[in-house]
Structure formats: C-alpha cells, structure tokens
Amino acid sequence: MAVTEQKKNVWGRREELLNKSDELTLKADLLAFESRYEEAISYYDQALEINPKNPHLWAFKGITLKGGLNRDEEARACWDRAMALDPELEKAVSYTKPEEQSEDTGAGPVICSMSETTRQKILKLMREQAEKEPR
C-alpha cells in the first residue's frame, strides 16, 4: 500500500512540474508575441529546466533567438537539440531543403504529431534559416 501511495505522489509531482512548464511556456510565447524577446528566452529557459526533453520548447526558443534577436548560432543549437529529440522535426527540416530532394523521392507532406500551426511555424523559420545559410 505504501508503494502505491508513493507512486501517486511521484506522478502528482510530475504533473505539477509539467503544468508549471506549460505555464512558463505560455508566458514565453506571449512575451515573444509582444517582441519582448529577452524576457521570453528567460521563460523558455525556465521551462526547459523542468522539461529539457521537450523538442517544441527547444524549437520555439530557437525561433525566438533567430527571429527576435538574430542570434543565429544559438538558434541553430536549439533547433539541433529539438531535432535530436524528435526525429519528425529532423524529417521536416530536411523536407524544407528542396535542393536535397531528388525528383524520384515522391516526398509528400511530413506527418508530425505536433499541431499543424506549431509545425508550420517551425518549418517556416527553419526554412528561412536554411535559405540564409551559405551552401
């Protein structure tokens, strides 16, 4: 019986932390929307302390670093981390580089578990980054 109660406490604490991470992420998103990028990065960092394996947090931190602060190298590191955590993001990024796709691949839309608007934002900004990088 004590083990079951202990598991309940662990899961309850985990849920509490994930809720806090979501709260911090929402604040970061709102700050970024208001062009308060440095503050947004601070909130993304706090959320990542709680949930460092969330690829979407890494991607949106990268988007904010790139789009708001022009900190390209840091943005790329965040995107690399996001892609390492979620292979679907890596597929999405490679899909955005048409020069690397052969005509025979029949590459269709990338299926991803994140919401379409999230995926679209990430793809758009990563596509812009890829176009600016030297070939």
C-alpha atoms as a PDB file:
ATOM      1  CA  MET A   1       0.000   0.000   0.000  1.00  0.00           C
ATOM      2  CA  ALA A   2       2.842   2.408   0.799  1.00  0.00           C
ATOM      3  CA  VAL A   3       4.399   1.839  -2.639  1.00  0.00           C
ATOM      4  CA  THR A   4       1.129   2.775  -4.356  1.00  0.00           C
ATOM      5  CA  GLU A   5       0.866   5.981  -2.322  1.00  0.00           C
ATOM      6  CA  GLN A   6       4.485   6.805  -3.129  1.00  0.00           C
ATOM      7  CA  LYS A   7       3.824   6.330  -6.871  1.00  0.00           C
ATOM      8  CA  LYS A   8       0.798   8.620  -6.608  1.00  0.00           C
ATOM      9  CA  ASN A   9       2.971  11.305  -5.022  1.00  0.00           C
ATOM     10  CA  VAL A  10       5.638  10.953  -7.709  1.00  0.00           C
ATOM     11  CA  TRP A  11       3.093  11.190 -10.524  1.00  0.00           C
ATOM     12  CA  GLY A  12       1.335  14.093  -8.827  1.00  0.00           C
ATOM     13  CA  ARG A  13       4.622  15.974  -8.525  1.00  0.00           C
ATOM     14  CA  ARG A  14       5.496  15.206 -12.144  1.00  0.00           C
ATOM     15  CA  GLU A  15       2.131  16.528 -13.323  1.00  0.00           C
ATOM     16  CA  GLU A  16       2.610  19.649 -11.211  1.00  0.00           C
ATOM     17  CA  LEU A  17       6.016  20.276 -12.818  1.00  0.00           C
ATOM     18  CA  LEU A  18       4.671  19.763 -16.326  1.00  0.00           C
ATOM     19  CA  ASN A  19       1.856  22.210 -15.607  1.00  0.00           C
ATOM     20  CA  LYS A  20       4.445  24.732 -14.393  1.00  0.00           C
ATOM     21  CA  SER A  21       6.471  24.150 -17.570  1.00  0.00           C
ATOM     22  CA  ASP A  22       3.352  24.786 -19.672  1.00  0.00           C
ATOM     23  CA  GLU A  23       2.651  27.974 -17.706  1.00  0.00           C
ATOM     24  CA  LEU A  24       6.205  29.246 -18.264  1.00  0.00           C
ATOM     25  CA  THR A  25       5.989  28.358 -21.965  1.00  0.00           C
ATOM     26  CA  LEU A  26       2.749  30.274 -22.359  1.00  0.00           C
ATOM     27  CA  LYS A  27       4.359  33.325 -20.723  1.00  0.00           C
ATOM     28  CA  ALA A  28       7.349  32.986 -23.053  1.00  0.00           C
ATOM     29  CA  ASP A  29       5.082  32.747 -26.097  1.00  0.00           C
ATOM     30  CA  LEU A  30       3.141  35.843 -25.047  1.00  0.00           C
ATOM     31  CA  LEU A  31       6.319  37.814 -24.381  1.00  0.00           C
ATOM     32  CA  ALA A  32       7.741  36.818 -27.761  1.00  0.00           C
ATOM     33  CA  PHE A  33       4.480  37.896 -29.411  1.00  0.00           C
ATOM     34  CA  GLU A  34       4.914  41.281 -27.704  1.00  0.00           C
ATOM     35  CA  SER A  35       8.509  41.481 -29.049  1.00  0.00           C
ATOM     36  CA  ARG A  36       9.934  41.127 -25.539  1.00  0.00           C
ATOM     37  CA  TYR A  37      12.407  38.524 -26.729  1.00  0.00           C
ATOM     38  CA  GLU A  38      14.995  38.558 -23.938  1.00  0.00           C
ATOM     39  CA  GLU A  39      12.267  38.026 -21.353  1.00  0.00           C
ATOM     40  CA  ALA A  40      10.746  35.284 -23.491  1.00  0.00           C
ATOM     41  CA  ILE A  41      14.090  33.466 -23.631  1.00  0.00           C
ATOM     42  CA  SER A  42      14.293  33.614 -19.844  1.00  0.00           C
ATOM     43  CA  TYR A  43      10.909  31.899 -19.550  1.00  0.00           C
ATOM     44  CA  TYR A  44      11.795  29.300 -22.186  1.00  0.00           C
ATOM     45  CA  ASP A  45      14.959  28.550 -20.199  1.00  0.00           C
ATOM     46  CA  GLN A  46      12.941  28.091 -17.003  1.00  0.00           C
ATOM     47  CA  ALA A  47      10.532  25.762 -18.794  1.00  0.00           C
ATOM     48  CA  LEU A  48      13.472  23.815 -20.235  1.00  0.00           C
ATOM     49  CA  GLU A  49      14.930  23.357 -16.752  1.00  0.00           C
ATOM     50  CA  ILE A  50      11.741  21.494 -15.872  1.00  0.00           C
ATOM     51  CA  ASN A  51      11.225  19.726 -19.187  1.00  0.00           C
ATOM     52  CA  PRO A  52      14.542  19.549 -21.082  1.00  0.00           C
ATOM     53  CA  LYS A  53      13.371  16.754 -23.372  1.00  0.00           C
ATOM     54  CA  ASN A  54      10.552  18.759 -24.942  1.00  0.00           C
ATOM     55  CA  PRO A  55      11.563  19.337 -28.572  1.00  0.00           C
ATOM     56  CA  HIS A  56       8.925  22.011 -29.133  1.00  0.00           C
ATOM     57  CA  LEU A  57      10.347  24.151 -26.330  1.00  0.00           C
ATOM     58  CA  TRP A  58      13.789  23.927 -27.924  1.00  0.00           C
ATOM     59  CA  ALA A  59      12.343  24.775 -31.345  1.00  0.00           C
ATOM     60  CA  PHE A  60      10.416  27.810 -30.120  1.00  0.00           C
ATOM     61  CA  LYS A  61      13.397  29.046 -28.150  1.00  0.00           C
ATOM     62  CA  GLY A  62      15.349  28.760 -31.418  1.00  0.00           C
ATOM     63  CA  ILE A  63      12.639  30.641 -33.289  1.00  0.00           C
ATOM     64  CA  THR A  64      12.750  33.446 -30.730  1.00  0.00           C
ATOM     65  CA  LEU A  65      16.537  33.597 -30.768  1.00  0.00           C
ATOM     66  CA  LYS A  66      16.618  33.732 -34.568  1.00  0.00           C
ATOM     67  CA  GLY A  67      13.551  35.790 -35.390  1.00  0.00           C
ATOM     68  CA  GLY A  68      13.632  38.205 -32.486  1.00  0.00           C
ATOM     69  CA  LEU A  69      17.280  38.535 -31.534  1.00  0.00           C
ATOM     70  CA  ASN A  70      19.196  37.459 -34.671  1.00  0.00           C
ATOM     71  CA  ARG A  71      21.267  35.093 -32.552  1.00  0.00           C
ATOM     72  CA  ASP A  72      21.715  32.574 -35.353  1.00  0.00           C
ATOM     73  CA  GLU A  73      24.292  30.300 -33.770  1.00  0.00           C
ATOM     74  CA  GLU A  74      22.290  29.852 -30.560  1.00  0.00           C
ATOM     75  CA  ALA A  75      19.116  29.337 -32.590  1.00  0.00           C
ATOM     76  CA  ARG A  76      20.783  26.615 -34.651  1.00  0.00           C
ATOM     77  CA  ALA A  77      21.934  24.866 -31.455  1.00  0.00           C
ATOM     78  CA  CYS A  78      18.346  24.896 -30.161  1.00  0.00           C
ATOM     79  CA  TRP A  79      16.993  23.536 -33.434  1.00  0.00           C
ATOM     80  CA  ASP A  80      19.648  20.837 -33.490  1.00  0.00           C
ATOM     81  CA  ARG A  81      18.611  19.846 -29.982  1.00  0.00           C
ATOM     82  CA  ALA A  82      14.935  19.821 -30.985  1.00  0.00           C
ATOM     83  CA  MET A  83      15.674  17.618 -33.996  1.00  0.00           C
ATOM     84  CA  ALA A  84      17.739  15.221 -31.888  1.00  0.00           C
ATOM     85  CA  LEU A  85      14.804  14.835 -29.512  1.00  0.00           C
ATOM     86  CA  ASP A  86      12.149  14.448 -32.213  1.00  0.00           C
ATOM     87  CA  PRO A  87      13.079  12.645 -35.438  1.00  0.00           C
ATOM     88  CA  GLU A  88       9.918  14.014 -37.072  1.00  0.00           C
ATOM     89  CA  LEU A  89      11.355  17.525 -36.762  1.00  0.00           C
ATOM     90  CA  GLU A  90      14.548  16.345 -38.430  1.00  0.00           C
ATOM     91  CA  LYS A  91      12.490  14.944 -41.307  1.00  0.00           C
ATOM     92  CA  ALA A  92      10.582  18.226 -41.516  1.00  0.00           C
ATOM     93  CA  VAL A  93      13.788  20.239 -41.738  1.00  0.00           C
ATOM     94  CA  SER A  94      15.289  18.039 -44.434  1.00  0.00           C
ATOM     95  CA  TYR A  95      11.963  18.228 -46.269  1.00  0.00           C
ATOM     96  CA  THR A  96      12.295  22.028 -46.327  1.00  0.00           C
ATOM     97  CA  LYS A  97      15.522  21.841 -48.359  1.00  0.00           C
ATOM     98  CA  PRO A  98      14.289  21.192 -51.915  1.00  0.00           C
ATOM     99  CA  GLU A  99      17.795  21.106 -53.414  1.00  0.00           C
ATOM    100  CA  GLU A 100      18.489  17.968 -51.391  1.00  0.00           C
ATOM    101  CA  GLN A 101      15.349  16.168 -52.584  1.00  0.00           C
ATOM    102  CA  SER A 102      15.561  14.152 -55.754  1.00  0.00           C
ATOM    103  CA  GLU A 103      12.637  14.083 -58.132  1.00  0.00           C
ATOM    104  CA  ASP A 104      12.235  10.343 -57.534  1.00  0.00           C
ATOM    105  CA  THR A 105      11.590  10.553 -53.795  1.00  0.00           C
ATOM    106  CA  GLY A 106       7.926  11.379 -54.102  1.00  0.00           C
ATOM    107  CA  ALA A 107       8.275  13.384 -50.920  1.00  0.00           C
ATOM    108  CA  GLY A 108       4.833  14.219 -49.669  1.00  0.00           C
ATOM    109  CA  PRO A 109       3.696  16.081 -46.617  1.00  0.00           C
ATOM    110  CA  VAL A 110       5.583  15.333 -43.452  1.00  0.00           C
ATOM    111  CA  ILE A 111       3.377  13.710 -40.845  1.00  0.00           C
ATOM    112  CA  CYS A 112       4.089  15.019 -37.385  1.00  0.00           C
ATOM    113  CA  SER A 113       2.411  14.618 -34.037  1.00  0.00           C
ATOM    114  CA  MET A 114       2.525  18.317 -33.135  1.00  0.00           C
ATOM    115  CA  SER A 115      -0.295  20.666 -34.036  1.00  0.00           C
ATOM    116  CA  GLU A 116      -0.280  21.917 -37.604  1.00  0.00           C
ATOM    117  CA  THR A 117       0.203  25.559 -36.617  1.00  0.00           C
ATOM    118  CA  THR A 118       3.190  24.688 -34.439  1.00  0.00           C
ATOM    119  CA  ARG A 119       4.674  22.605 -37.229  1.00  0.00           C
ATOM    120  CA  GLN A 120       4.076  25.388 -39.751  1.00  0.00           C
ATOM    121  CA  LYS A 121       5.824  27.996 -37.587  1.00  0.00           C
ATOM    122  CA  ILE A 122       8.806  25.762 -37.007  1.00  0.00           C
ATOM    123  CA  LEU A 123       9.066  24.812 -40.684  1.00  0.00           C
ATOM    124  CA  LYS A 124       8.747  28.418 -41.867  1.00  0.00           C
ATOM    125  CA  LEU A 125      11.500  29.710 -39.626  1.00  0.00           C
ATOM    126  CA  MET A 126      13.784  26.759 -40.244  1.00  0.00           C
ATOM    127  CA  ARG A 127      13.220  27.151 -43.994  1.00  0.00           C
ATOM    128  CA  GLU A 128      14.179  30.837 -43.734  1.00  0.00           C
ATOM    129  CA  GLN A 129      17.296  29.902 -41.766  1.00  0.00           C
ATOM    130  CA  ALA A 130      18.293  27.264 -44.327  1.00  0.00           C
ATOM    131  CA  GLU A 131      17.889  29.747 -47.197  1.00  0.00           C
ATOM    132  CA  LYS A 132      20.227  32.238 -45.497  1.00  0.00           C
ATOM    133  CA  GLU A 133      22.979  29.731 -44.723  1.00  0.00           C
ATOM    134  CA  PRO A 134      25.877  29.501 -47.160  1.00  0.00           C
ATOM    135  CA  ARG A 135      25.731  26.423 -49.370  1.00  0.00           C
END
